[in-house]
Protein backbone atom coordinates (compact mmCIF):
# COMPACT_ATOMS: atom_id res chain seq x y z
CA MET A 1 -69.83 112.81 -48.84
CA THR A 2 -67.36 115.16 -47.38
CA PRO A 3 -66.96 116.24 -43.45
CA PHE A 4 -68.87 119.51 -44.60
CA THR A 5 -71.87 117.55 -46.04
CA ALA A 6 -71.86 114.70 -43.35
CA ALA A 7 -72.04 117.28 -40.51
CA ARG A 8 -75.38 116.85 -38.35
CA ASP A 9 -76.57 118.73 -35.47
CA TRP A 10 -73.60 121.14 -35.58
CA ALA A 11 -75.24 124.36 -34.54
CA GLU A 12 -78.07 125.73 -32.26
CA ARG A 13 -80.40 128.64 -32.59
CA GLN A 14 -79.18 131.58 -30.28
CA GLY A 15 -81.34 134.43 -30.37
CA ARG A 16 -81.53 135.77 -33.92
CA GLY A 17 -78.34 133.85 -34.77
CA TYR A 18 -76.62 130.57 -34.62
CA ILE A 19 -73.68 129.18 -32.51
CA THR A 20 -71.65 126.21 -33.50
CA VAL A 21 -71.71 123.32 -31.04
CA LYS A 22 -69.45 120.84 -33.27
CA PHE A 23 -66.46 121.73 -35.85
CA VAL A 24 -67.52 122.78 -39.25
CA ARG A 25 -64.84 121.59 -41.65
CA TRP A 26 -64.33 122.83 -45.27
CA GLU A 27 -61.87 122.04 -47.62
CA ILE A 28 -60.51 124.79 -49.42
CA GLY A 29 -60.21 124.51 -53.23
CA ALA A 30 -60.45 120.64 -54.67
CA ILE A 31 -60.83 117.71 -52.22
CA GLY A 32 -57.53 116.64 -51.54
CA SER A 33 -56.03 120.02 -51.23
CA GLY A 34 -55.16 119.41 -47.70
CA LEU A 35 -56.26 123.31 -46.94
CA TRP A 36 -58.87 123.46 -44.36
CA LEU A 37 -61.26 125.96 -42.85
CA ASN A 38 -62.45 124.52 -39.32
CA VAL A 39 -65.04 126.46 -37.64
CA PRO A 40 -64.70 125.64 -33.98
CA PRO A 41 -67.59 124.92 -31.48
CA GLY A 42 -68.81 127.90 -29.70
CA PHE A 43 -68.52 130.37 -33.00
CA SER A 44 -71.57 132.70 -33.13
CA PHE A 45 -72.77 133.45 -36.75
CA ASP A 46 -75.90 134.39 -38.39
CA VAL A 47 -77.16 134.74 -42.12
CA SER A 48 -77.70 138.57 -42.55
CA VAL A 49 -80.50 139.20 -44.96
CA PRO A 50 -82.05 142.86 -45.46
CA ARG A 51 -85.48 142.76 -44.02
CA ALA A 52 -86.89 143.61 -47.62
CA LEU A 53 -85.62 140.26 -48.96
CA ARG A 54 -86.38 137.93 -46.23
CA TRP A 55 -89.35 136.98 -48.28
CA LEU A 56 -87.30 135.40 -50.90
CA PHE A 57 -84.05 134.36 -48.65
CA SER A 58 -84.97 133.05 -45.22
CA PRO A 59 -82.14 133.55 -42.50
CA HIS A 60 -82.88 130.35 -41.05
CA ASN A 61 -82.85 128.04 -44.31
CA PRO A 62 -80.87 125.15 -43.12
CA GLN A 63 -79.04 125.22 -46.78
CA TYR A 64 -77.50 128.42 -45.96
CA LEU A 65 -76.48 127.82 -42.35
CA LYS A 66 -73.12 125.89 -42.86
CA ALA A 67 -72.01 128.42 -45.72
CA ALA A 68 -72.72 131.48 -43.65
CA ALA A 69 -70.87 129.96 -40.67
CA LEU A 70 -67.74 129.39 -43.00
CA HIS A 71 -68.18 133.11 -44.31
CA ASP A 72 -68.57 134.92 -41.05
CA TYR A 73 -65.54 132.61 -39.51
CA ALA A 74 -63.05 133.39 -42.54
CA LEU A 75 -63.87 137.17 -41.82
CA SER A 76 -63.19 136.78 -38.35
CA LEU A 77 -59.67 135.39 -39.33
CA GLY A 78 -59.14 138.36 -41.50
CA TRP A 79 -60.04 136.94 -44.90
CA ASP A 80 -60.92 139.63 -47.43
CA ARG A 81 -64.69 139.72 -48.35
CA VAL A 82 -64.00 138.45 -51.86
CA SER A 83 -61.76 135.32 -50.61
CA ALA A 84 -64.71 134.61 -47.86
CA ALA A 85 -67.44 135.09 -50.40
CA ALA A 86 -65.64 132.28 -52.64
CA ALA A 87 -65.71 129.54 -49.77
CA PHE A 88 -69.35 130.73 -49.24
CA SER A 89 -70.24 130.41 -52.86
CA GLU A 90 -68.66 126.75 -52.76
CA ALA A 91 -70.40 125.85 -49.61
CA LEU A 92 -73.72 126.92 -50.98
CA ARG A 93 -73.09 124.91 -54.06
CA ALA A 94 -72.27 121.90 -51.54
CA SER A 95 -75.65 122.39 -49.66
CA GLY A 96 -77.78 122.42 -52.94
CA VAL A 97 -78.51 125.87 -53.32
CA PRO A 98 -79.43 126.79 -56.87
CA ARG A 99 -77.25 128.70 -59.07
CA LEU A 100 -79.14 131.89 -59.37
CA GLU A 101 -79.81 132.09 -55.63
CA ARG A 102 -76.12 131.49 -55.14
CA LEU A 103 -75.15 134.12 -57.24
CA VAL A 104 -77.48 136.76 -55.68
CA MET A 105 -76.36 135.69 -52.18
CA VAL A 106 -72.31 135.82 -52.79
CA LEU A 107 -73.12 139.46 -54.47
CA GLY A 108 -74.71 140.39 -51.33
CA VAL A 109 -71.86 139.33 -49.16
CA VAL A 110 -69.31 140.89 -51.80
CA VAL A 111 -70.86 144.25 -52.37
CA PHE A 112 -72.73 144.87 -49.10
CA LYS A 113 -71.87 144.67 -45.66
CA PHE A 114 -75.12 143.78 -43.31
CA LYS A 115 -75.30 144.13 -39.57
């Protein structure tokens, strides 16, 4: 188990989105790389899903939330969309999101800018 998968009660719902109440830690690359992305408490994020696709992808699915927090935080740090999407994809995988579902979501965050 990693700090990412072990984290519990780390966010609270706030309106349509969420806010972190504890750190969310993600080790970039392989375990042991020593490169960490640490989303701090108080960071606001959401799972942006186009309305037409919400029947398929719920913006409140717990499997998506940590990955969305990492993705949004990486973007707030100035990461490009492809680099942020790579962390998003790996975090979705660690959260147990199936491959095809992950592919659709990653393509969505790379190709489109929702808000």
